[in-house]
Protein backbone atom coordinates (compact mmCIF):
# COMPACT_ATOMS: atom_id res chain seq x y z
CA MET A 1 -56.11 -42.79 18.84
CA ARG A 2 -53.39 -39.91 19.37
CA LYS A 3 -50.76 -42.30 17.73
CA ILE A 4 -53.01 -42.46 14.78
CA LEU A 5 -53.46 -38.57 14.54
CA GLY A 6 -49.90 -38.27 14.81
CA LEU A 7 -49.14 -40.53 12.04
CA ILE A 8 -51.75 -38.93 9.79
CA LEU A 9 -50.21 -35.32 10.54
CA ALA A 10 -46.56 -36.80 9.92
CA VAL A 11 -47.75 -38.13 6.59
CA LEU A 12 -49.39 -34.79 5.57
CA LEU A 13 -46.21 -32.62 6.75
CA ILE A 14 -43.95 -35.09 4.63
CA ALA A 15 -46.31 -34.67 1.67
CA SER A 16 -46.34 -31.08 1.78
CA CYS A 17 -42.58 -30.53 1.62
CA THR A 18 -40.40 -30.57 -1.61
CA THR A 19 -37.54 -32.75 -1.09
CA PHE A 20 -34.70 -33.88 -3.10
CA THR A 21 -34.61 -37.65 -2.62
CA SER A 22 -31.67 -40.22 -3.76
CA THR A 23 -33.69 -41.26 -6.76
CA GLU A 24 -33.79 -38.09 -8.23
CA GLY A 25 -31.13 -36.15 -10.26
CA PRO A 26 -28.37 -37.63 -12.76
CA GLU A 27 -27.06 -41.42 -11.88
CA TRP A 28 -23.47 -39.54 -11.00
CA THR A 29 -25.04 -37.77 -7.84
CA ARG A 30 -25.54 -41.15 -6.50
CA VAL A 31 -22.78 -43.39 -7.81
CA THR A 32 -19.19 -41.61 -8.66
CA PRO A 33 -18.60 -42.68 -12.28
CA ARG A 34 -15.31 -44.06 -13.61
CA HIS A 35 -13.90 -42.69 -16.50
CA ALA A 36 -10.83 -43.95 -18.33
CA GLY A 37 -7.83 -42.08 -17.41
CA MET A 38 -9.23 -39.91 -15.15
CA ALA A 39 -9.71 -39.34 -11.51
CA VAL A 40 -13.37 -38.35 -10.71
CA PHE A 41 -14.57 -36.84 -7.15
CA VAL A 42 -18.14 -35.86 -6.44
CA GLY A 43 -19.29 -33.48 -3.75
CA SER A 44 -22.31 -32.03 -2.53
CA GLY A 45 -23.71 -29.43 -0.50
CA VAL A 46 -26.59 -27.70 0.96
CA GLY A 47 -27.32 -23.82 1.19
CA ARG A 48 -30.02 -21.41 1.39
CA ASP A 49 -29.75 -20.47 -2.15
CA ASP A 50 -27.69 -21.40 -5.33
CA VAL A 51 -24.53 -19.28 -4.29
CA ALA A 52 -24.30 -20.81 -0.88
CA ALA A 53 -25.02 -24.28 -2.09
CA ARG A 54 -22.68 -23.90 -4.77
CA ALA A 55 -19.92 -22.87 -2.35
CA ALA A 56 -20.50 -25.79 -0.14
CA ALA A 57 -20.42 -28.26 -2.72
CA TYR A 58 -17.08 -26.79 -3.97
CA ARG A 59 -15.51 -27.15 -0.43
CA SER A 60 -16.80 -30.52 -0.29
CA VAL A 61 -15.50 -32.08 -3.33
CA LEU A 62 -11.82 -30.43 -2.35
CA GLU A 63 -12.36 -32.20 0.99
CA LYS A 64 -12.54 -35.38 -0.75
CA LEU A 65 -10.05 -34.54 -3.08
CA GLY A 66 -7.63 -33.79 -0.06
CA SER A 67 -8.48 -36.97 1.91
CA GLU A 68 -7.32 -38.98 -1.17
CA LEU A 69 -4.21 -37.07 -1.64
CA GLY A 70 -3.21 -37.17 2.01
CA TYR A 71 -3.01 -33.41 2.61
CA ASP A 72 -5.39 -30.14 2.62
CA THR A 73 -6.64 -28.86 -0.60
CA VAL A 74 -9.37 -26.58 0.59
CA SER A 75 -7.03 -23.62 1.83
CA PRO A 76 -4.67 -23.42 -1.26
CA TYR A 77 -7.30 -24.14 -3.90
CA TYR A 78 -10.87 -23.24 -2.83
CA ARG A 79 -10.79 -19.66 -3.77
CA GLU A 80 -9.27 -20.47 -7.40
CA LEU A 81 -11.90 -23.50 -7.68
CA LEU A 82 -14.75 -21.33 -6.95
CA SER A 83 -13.69 -18.60 -9.28
CA PHE A 84 -12.33 -20.55 -12.27
CA ASN A 85 -14.08 -23.86 -11.74
CA SER A 86 -10.42 -25.24 -12.47
CA ILE A 87 -7.28 -25.86 -10.57
CA ALA A 88 -4.19 -25.25 -12.57
CA ALA A 89 -1.68 -26.86 -10.74
CA LEU A 90 -3.52 -30.28 -10.56
CA ASP A 91 -5.12 -29.95 -14.15
CA ALA A 92 -8.42 -30.43 -12.57
CA VAL A 93 -11.58 -29.15 -13.86
CA ILE A 94 -15.24 -29.08 -12.84
CA THR A 95 -16.99 -31.06 -15.68
CA ASN A 96 -20.57 -31.31 -14.38
CA THR A 97 -22.91 -29.68 -11.79
CA TYR A 98 -26.74 -30.42 -10.69
CA SER A 99 -28.86 -28.90 -8.05
CA ALA A 100 -32.32 -29.27 -6.83
CA PRO A 101 -34.91 -28.06 -3.99
CA ALA A 102 -34.23 -29.56 -0.50
CA ASP A 103 -35.82 -28.64 3.22
CA ALA A 104 -33.15 -26.24 3.82
CA GLY A 105 -32.89 -24.41 0.52
CA ILE A 106 -30.93 -25.88 -2.64
CA THR A 107 -29.08 -29.15 -2.80
CA TYR A 108 -25.97 -28.73 -5.05
CA PHE A 109 -23.72 -31.64 -6.67
CA VAL A 110 -20.55 -31.17 -8.46
CA MET A 111 -18.07 -33.39 -10.18
CA LEU A 112 -14.33 -32.53 -10.43
CA GLU A 113 -12.25 -34.42 -12.73
CA MET A 114 -8.28 -34.59 -13.12
CA PRO A 115 -6.05 -36.72 -15.32
CA GLU A 116 -5.14 -39.98 -13.26
CA SER A 117 -1.49 -39.35 -13.93
CA VAL A 118 -1.56 -35.98 -12.46
CA TYR A 119 -3.40 -37.38 -9.61
CA LEU A 120 -1.11 -40.09 -8.66
CA SER A 121 2.05 -38.00 -9.04
CA SER A 122 0.29 -35.22 -7.12
CA ARG A 123 -0.08 -37.71 -4.15
CA ASP A 124 3.79 -37.95 -3.96
CA ALA A 125 4.89 -34.26 -5.10
CA GLU A 126 2.60 -32.30 -3.03
CA TYR A 127 2.77 -34.20 -0.19
CA SER A 128 6.62 -33.86 0.13
CA ALA A 129 6.00 -30.22 -0.59
CA SER A 130 3.57 -29.91 2.19
CA ILE A 131 5.94 -31.43 4.52
CA GLU A 132 8.45 -28.93 3.70
CA ARG A 133 6.33 -26.11 4.00
CA THR A 134 4.84 -27.12 7.49
CA ALA A 135 8.34 -27.47 8.62
CA GLU A 136 9.33 -24.06 7.30
CA ILE A 137 6.10 -22.71 9.00
CA SER A 138 6.87 -24.11 12.02
CA SER A 139 10.53 -22.65 11.97
CA LEU A 140 8.98 -19.19 11.05
CA LEU A 141 6.46 -19.25 14.10
CA GLU A 142 9.23 -20.51 16.43
CA SER A 143 11.63 -17.72 15.49
CA ALA A 144 8.70 -15.35 16.13
CA LEU A 145 8.62 -16.44 19.35
CA GLU A 146 11.94 -16.13 20.14
CA HIS A 147 12.01 -12.35 18.88
CA TYR A 148 8.90 -11.63 20.96
CA ARG A 149 11.05 -13.14 24.17
CA GLU A 150 13.76 -10.57 23.06
CA ASN A 151 11.23 -7.84 23.04
CA GLU A 152 11.58 -7.48 19.28
CA ASP A 153 7.69 -7.54 18.49
CA THR A 154 7.96 -5.97 15.14
CA GLU A 155 10.42 -8.89 14.05
CA ALA A 156 8.14 -11.40 15.65
CA LEU A 157 5.22 -9.82 13.62
CA SER A 158 7.21 -10.23 10.59
CA ASP A 159 8.07 -13.80 10.82
CA THR A 160 4.24 -14.44 11.60
CA LEU A 161 3.21 -12.70 8.24
CA ASN A 162 5.58 -14.69 6.47
CA ALA A 163 4.34 -17.94 8.08
CA LEU A 164 0.88 -16.75 7.10
CA ASP A 165 2.09 -16.17 3.31
CA LEU A 166 3.28 -19.47 3.12
CA SER A 167 0.28 -21.23 4.69
CA LEU A 168 -1.83 -19.95 1.90
CA SER A 169 0.77 -21.09 -0.70
CA GLY A 170 -0.24 -24.59 -0.43
CA PRO A 171 -1.19 -27.66 1.88
CA VAL A 172 -0.06 -28.09 5.37
CA LEU A 173 0.02 -31.07 7.58
CA ASP A 174 -0.86 -29.38 10.70
CA ASP A 175 -4.34 -27.82 11.62
CA ASP A 176 -2.68 -25.30 14.07
CA TYR A 177 -0.88 -23.75 10.91
CA SER A 178 -4.17 -23.11 9.34
CA PRO A 179 -4.36 -19.42 7.60
CA GLU A 180 -7.01 -18.32 10.11
CA ARG A 181 -4.86 -19.37 13.01
CA ILE A 182 -1.66 -17.78 12.02
CA LEU A 183 -3.72 -14.57 11.26
CA GLY A 184 -4.91 -14.52 14.61
CA LYS A 185 -1.27 -14.94 16.09
CA ALA A 186 -0.47 -11.88 13.84
CA ILE A 187 -3.29 -9.76 15.06
CA GLY A 188 -2.09 -10.97 18.53
CA TYR A 189 1.21 -9.49 18.02
CA LEU A 190 0.14 -6.09 16.61
CA GLU A 191 -2.45 -5.43 19.22
CA ASN A 192 0.08 -5.41 21.81
CA ILE A 193 2.38 -2.84 20.16
CA GLY A 194 1.73 0.75 21.12
CA ILE A 195 3.49 3.54 19.54
CA ALA A 196 3.58 7.23 21.53
CA VAL A 197 5.22 10.74 20.62
CA ARG A 198 7.37 11.41 23.45
CA ASP A 199 8.78 14.78 22.35
CA GLY A 200 8.26 16.82 19.23
CA ARG A 201 9.95 20.08 17.83
CA GLY A 202 8.61 20.77 14.28
CA THR A 203 9.34 17.87 12.31
CA ASP A 204 12.09 16.65 14.82
CA VAL A 205 10.08 13.93 16.74
CA THR A 206 11.06 11.38 19.38
CA LEU A 207 8.93 8.23 19.45
CA ARG A 208 8.47 5.75 22.08
CA MET A 209 7.65 1.66 21.09
CA ASN A 210 6.16 -0.29 23.88
CA ARG A 211 4.54 -3.61 24.38
CA MET A 212 1.22 -3.12 25.77
CA ARG A 213 0.78 -6.53 27.78
CA GLY A 214 2.22 -6.78 31.43
CA LEU A 215 2.68 -4.55 34.03
CA LEU A 216 5.78 -3.07 33.05
CA HIS A 217 5.00 -2.41 29.35
CA PRO A 218 8.26 -3.31 28.38
CA ARG A 219 10.21 -1.14 25.46
CA VAL A 220 10.15 -2.94 21.96
CA VAL A 221 13.71 -3.00 20.68
CA ASN A 222 14.79 -2.95 17.08
CA GLY A 223 11.08 -2.02 16.41
CA LEU A 224 10.29 -0.95 12.94
CA ILE A 225 8.09 2.27 12.56
CA ARG A 226 6.59 3.79 9.43
CA VAL A 227 6.50 7.33 9.08
CA ASP A 228 4.12 8.83 6.39
CA TYR A 229 4.01 12.45 5.30
CA THR A 230 3.34 14.69 2.38
CA MET A 231 5.59 16.32 -0.02
CA LEU A 232 5.86 18.40 -3.26
CA GLY A 233 7.02 16.87 -6.44
CA ASN A 234 9.06 18.98 -8.72
CA ASP A 235 5.77 20.09 -10.70
CA GLY A 236 4.24 21.34 -7.44
CA ARG A 237 1.90 18.43 -7.18
CA LEU A 238 1.32 17.10 -3.68
CA LEU A 239 2.57 13.47 -3.15
CA SER A 240 2.49 10.85 -0.42
CA ALA A 241 5.88 9.64 0.92
CA SER A 242 7.24 7.48 3.56
CA THR A 243 10.36 6.27 5.40
CA VAL A 244 11.09 3.68 7.89
CA ILE A 245 13.12 4.16 11.32
CA ARG A 246 14.08 1.88 13.81
CA THR A 247 14.02 1.85 17.63
CA GLY A 248 17.22 1.27 19.92
CA GLU A 249 17.70 -0.52 22.91
CA ARG A 250 15.46 2.03 24.94
CA GLY A 251 12.74 1.73 22.66
CA GLU A 252 13.24 5.06 21.13
CA ALA A 253 13.28 6.49 17.74
CA GLU A 254 13.90 9.65 16.19
CA PHE A 255 12.55 11.41 13.05
CA PHE A 256 14.50 14.27 11.58
CA ARG A 257 13.29 16.36 8.68
CA THR A 258 15.67 15.28 5.76
CA ASN A 259 13.61 15.52 2.85
CA PRO A 260 13.65 19.30 1.67
CA TYR A 261 10.20 18.89 -0.19
CA MET A 262 8.47 17.89 2.81
CA LEU A 263 5.66 20.61 3.61
CA TRP A 264 6.46 22.89 6.28
CA GLN A 265 3.30 22.59 8.18
CA GLY A 266 1.36 19.15 8.00
CA SER A 267 0.88 15.67 9.76
CA LEU A 268 3.27 12.84 10.47
CA ARG A 269 1.63 9.43 10.67
CA PHE A 270 3.60 6.73 12.59
CA SER A 271 2.48 3.28 12.27
CA VAL A 272 3.94 -0.12 12.97
CA TYR A 273 5.91 -0.95 9.49
CA VAL A 274 4.72 -4.04 7.70
CA SER A 275 6.08 -4.96 4.42
CA GLU A 276 3.85 -3.98 1.52
CA GLU A 277 4.95 -7.05 -0.43
CA ILE A 278 3.94 -9.66 1.88
CA LEU A 279 0.51 -7.93 2.45
CA GLU A 280 -0.15 -7.96 -1.20
CA SER A 281 1.02 -11.57 -1.35
CA ILE A 282 -1.03 -12.72 1.32
CA ALA A 283 -4.01 -10.78 -0.32
CA SER A 284 -3.65 -12.26 -3.64
CA LYS A 285 -3.81 -15.82 -2.21
CA ALA A 286 -6.35 -15.65 0.43
CA PHE A 287 -10.14 -14.90 0.15
CA GLU A 288 -11.44 -11.72 -0.54
CA GLY A 289 -11.71 -9.65 3.00
CA PHE A 290 -9.37 -12.02 4.87
CA LEU A 291 -6.94 -9.52 5.74
CA ASP A 292 -9.51 -6.75 6.65
CA PRO A 293 -9.24 -7.31 10.52
CA PHE A 294 -5.41 -6.75 10.52
CA ILE A 295 -5.38 -3.89 8.01
CA GLU A 296 -8.17 -2.04 10.24
CA LEU A 297 -6.00 -2.70 13.35
CA LEU A 298 -2.94 -1.57 11.59
CA ASP A 299 -4.62 1.75 11.07
CA LYS A 300 -6.47 1.85 14.42
CA THR A 301 -3.09 1.44 16.18
CA ALA A 302 -1.15 4.57 14.24
CA VAL A 303 -0.35 7.89 15.81
CA THR A 304 -0.63 11.18 13.95
CA TYR A 305 1.41 14.45 15.01
CA ASP A 306 0.71 17.66 13.70
CA TYR A 307 3.63 19.89 13.08
CA ALA A 308 4.98 23.31 11.91
CA GLU A 309 8.55 23.68 11.13
CA GLU A 310 10.54 26.92 11.88
CA SER A 311 12.84 28.55 9.05
CA ARG A 312 16.27 29.57 9.46
CA MET A 313 15.63 32.43 6.96
CA TYR A 314 12.50 33.75 8.38
CA ASN A 315 9.87 35.26 5.98
CA ASP A 316 9.84 38.75 7.85
CA ASN A 317 13.36 39.66 6.72
CA THR A 318 13.49 37.87 3.33
CA VAL A 319 12.45 38.82 -0.16
CA ILE A 320 12.49 36.80 -3.47
CA ALA A 321 12.67 38.78 -6.94
CA VAL A 322 11.68 36.59 -10.04
CA ALA A 323 12.86 38.04 -13.37
CA GLU A 324 11.77 36.15 -16.43
CA TYR A 325 13.32 36.93 -19.98
CA SER A 326 12.75 35.99 -23.77
CA GLU A 327 15.16 33.81 -26.05
CA ASP A 328 16.80 36.95 -27.00
CA GLY A 329 17.37 38.38 -23.33
CA THR A 330 14.67 40.80 -23.16
CA GLU A 331 11.89 40.80 -20.41
CA LEU A 332 9.07 38.81 -20.93
CA GLY A 333 5.53 40.51 -20.27
CA ILE A 334 4.34 37.38 -18.76
CA SER A 335 5.09 35.91 -15.19
CA PRO A 336 4.65 31.81 -15.45
CA CYS A 337 7.83 31.17 -13.30
CA PHE A 338 6.70 33.65 -10.69
CA VAL A 339 3.25 32.38 -10.15
CA ALA A 340 4.59 28.71 -10.15
CA PHE A 341 7.14 29.77 -7.54
CA SER A 342 4.34 31.62 -5.36
CA SER A 343 1.96 28.54 -5.59
CA TYR A 344 4.84 26.04 -4.67
CA LEU A 345 5.48 27.92 -1.68
CA GLU A 346 1.81 28.16 -0.80
CA LYS A 347 1.51 24.69 -1.38
CA ALA A 348 4.00 23.73 0.93
CA ALA A 349 2.76 25.69 3.77
CA ALA A 350 5.65 28.07 3.57
CA GLN A 351 3.54 31.24 3.15
CA GLY A 352 4.46 34.84 4.19
CA TYR A 353 7.60 35.03 2.14
CA LEU A 354 7.71 38.11 0.01
CA VAL A 355 7.81 37.10 -3.69
CA VAL A 356 8.00 39.95 -6.00
CA GLU A 357 8.79 40.48 -9.74
CA GLY A 358 12.33 41.70 -10.49
CA HIS A 359 13.73 43.80 -13.38
CA GLY A 360 16.90 44.30 -14.71
CA GLU A 361 19.02 42.87 -17.51
CA GLU A 362 21.77 41.21 -15.40
CA GLU A 363 21.59 39.71 -11.86
CA SER A 364 23.31 42.60 -10.41
CA ASP A 365 20.73 44.94 -12.00
CA VAL A 366 17.94 42.83 -10.37
CA LEU A 367 19.63 42.57 -7.00
CA ALA A 368 20.07 46.74 -7.02
CA PHE A 369 16.58 47.28 -8.20
CA THR A 370 15.39 44.82 -5.35
CA ARG A 371 17.43 46.07 -2.44
CA ASN A 372 16.33 49.86 -3.57
CA ALA A 373 12.57 48.79 -3.43
CA PHE A 374 12.74 46.71 -0.19
CA PRO A 375 15.91 47.98 1.71
CA ALA A 376 17.31 46.87 4.88
CA LEU A 377 16.35 43.04 4.74
CA ASP A 378 18.60 40.38 5.87
CA HIS A 379 18.25 37.85 2.89
CA TYR A 380 17.74 38.92 -0.90
CA VAL A 381 16.96 35.99 -3.29
CA ILE A 382 17.24 36.58 -6.93
CA LEU A 383 15.40 34.00 -9.49
CA ARG A 384 16.18 34.66 -12.98
CA ALA A 385 14.82 32.31 -15.53
CA GLY A 386 14.92 32.63 -19.51
CA ILE A 387 14.41 30.74 -22.68
CA VAL A 388 17.46 29.50 -24.42
CA ASP A 389 16.17 27.59 -27.09
CA MET A 390 13.22 26.28 -29.37
CA THR A 391 12.64 23.37 -31.32
CA GLU A 392 9.91 21.70 -32.84
CA GLY A 393 8.97 17.83 -33.23
CA ALA A 394 6.00 15.44 -33.76
CA GLY A 395 3.78 18.25 -34.24
CA ARG A 396 4.77 20.19 -31.18
CA VAL A 397 6.97 22.85 -29.86
CA TYR A 398 9.56 22.48 -27.22
CA ALA A 399 11.11 25.30 -25.35
CA ARG A 400 14.38 24.75 -23.09
CA ALA A 401 14.50 27.24 -20.21
CA GLU A 402 17.64 27.68 -17.87
CA ALA A 403 17.38 29.46 -14.48
CA ARG A 404 19.78 30.57 -11.47
CA LEU A 405 18.60 31.21 -7.97
CA SER A 406 21.21 33.24 -5.87
CA PHE A 407 20.99 34.01 -2.34
CA TYR A 408 22.56 37.20 -1.20
CA ASP A 409 22.71 38.64 2.63
CA GLU A 410 21.94 42.24 3.50
CA ASP A 411 24.69 44.06 1.70
CA GLY A 412 26.88 41.29 -0.05
CA VAL A 413 27.74 41.68 -3.24
CA GLU A 414 28.56 38.03 -3.91
CA PRO A 415 25.89 35.31 -3.55
CA TYR A 416 26.62 32.79 -0.84
CA ILE A 417 24.51 30.32 -2.15
CA ILE A 418 24.02 29.59 -5.99
CA HIS A 419 21.51 26.89 -7.53
CA GLU A 420 21.18 26.45 -11.34
CA LEU A 421 18.70 24.30 -13.42
CA SER A 422 17.42 23.59 -16.66
CA VAL A 423 14.10 22.39 -17.86
CA THR A 424 12.08 21.63 -20.92
CA GLY A 425 8.51 22.49 -21.80
CA GLY A 426 6.25 21.63 -24.50
CA GLY A 427 3.06 22.80 -26.15
CA SER A 428 1.16 23.16 -29.55
CA THR A 429 2.44 26.71 -29.78
CA ASP A 430 5.59 28.84 -29.18
CA SER A 431 3.97 30.68 -26.48
CA GLU A 432 2.52 27.45 -24.65
CA ALA A 433 5.84 25.89 -24.83
CA ILE A 434 7.55 29.08 -23.31
CA GLU A 435 4.83 29.14 -20.64
CA ALA A 436 5.22 25.48 -19.82
CA ALA A 437 8.98 25.73 -19.46
CA LEU A 438 9.03 28.81 -17.25
CA ASP A 439 6.29 27.27 -15.15
CA ARG A 440 8.57 24.04 -14.61
CA CYS A 441 11.53 26.44 -13.50
CA GLY A 442 9.46 28.06 -10.94
CA SER A 443 8.45 24.98 -9.67
CA ALA A 444 11.94 23.55 -9.37
CA ALA A 445 13.45 26.72 -8.08
CA ALA A 446 10.98 26.72 -5.29
CA GLY A 447 12.04 23.35 -4.17
CA MET A 448 15.30 24.19 -4.25
CA PHE A 449 14.71 27.48 -1.98
CA LEU A 450 12.98 25.40 0.46
CA SER A 451 15.82 23.02 0.84
CA GLU A 452 18.02 25.87 1.91
CA LEU A 453 15.60 26.98 4.83
């Protein structure tokens, strides 16, 4: 009796389910068709919805193609096929799809076709290429291991990332060389590298790079460290800049302020150097988000150091006088050069310098005026900027300005430093062009001033 009830319940359960059967759907979902001059492959997949089922079916058809060609076609072509329904290198195209409800959600079928001549030639050409690719990856990973033995961890990381890029460039013949596994190796190298600030004096910083694994934490030699900082451009805008320094035999590297346009107060960010080009190449070949764990770790292992640089020309014993002139040599009633110069110093965190408007026809006159107004200082800096030419073109007015930045000591009659510059500014009117040119003079001269501090 129990058996009979069980059978009845089973029948009722089956009857209540909507399930795709082998007799439903088009003929090609059951028997792979033959098309003259074409190689045809059919794959199927099941997913909770159309998107998941489609993704599974596309992977399935690539696995079948790969088994016929003799190498992996999922890694190099899955993303392209899923996005464009075609594989350019193989002249392969999705020509048919079909989906139907199933117990687990949706069953999806897909038909892939490619010219038989391409299919036959690909079996040889791609297979040979995959052999070479596999050998090159093996060589790179062996090189990475050798660098690691020599405590050259960033070199080991670089070789591994190059191997990862290759593994995404086409089929490989070794499962150990899959992109996922090689990415794991790269992450393993990166997470073992530590950067620490050993000593810092303003922007002069000594760093140490260690391997974080092992009892002795060996120093990383020939290690590459990327330094990111903020600087000011000639127009006074804040810009991001970077440089790369290398550790020596003791695992130490030194960063010195060599860029005069660096902010005088700010932050330095030190991280393991990784070529942006190789990361961009990997990201362009892999699926979206593939590199996220690596990028997140790269950011996590970075070290930030806040600095405040001391000047050789202290702001409490220095005055800068700015004088501005029209094309005929008379003093202007506007002060765009003065405003731009002051703003540039403020953005560079070099505040506190006394910047005033200067007066006088000649530089000696401006110097005398400034010394009389601010006596007994150690440094007098005179900036004279003037319009020397006006032109018109394409419906706009252009003004050319020249400037001279001179440094004098307390009672010197000749400048001990001189900078000269020439810039052009444009506008819809004469006044706009003049203001633009003098504004650029102020920013450029401020950068020159900072370069001497």
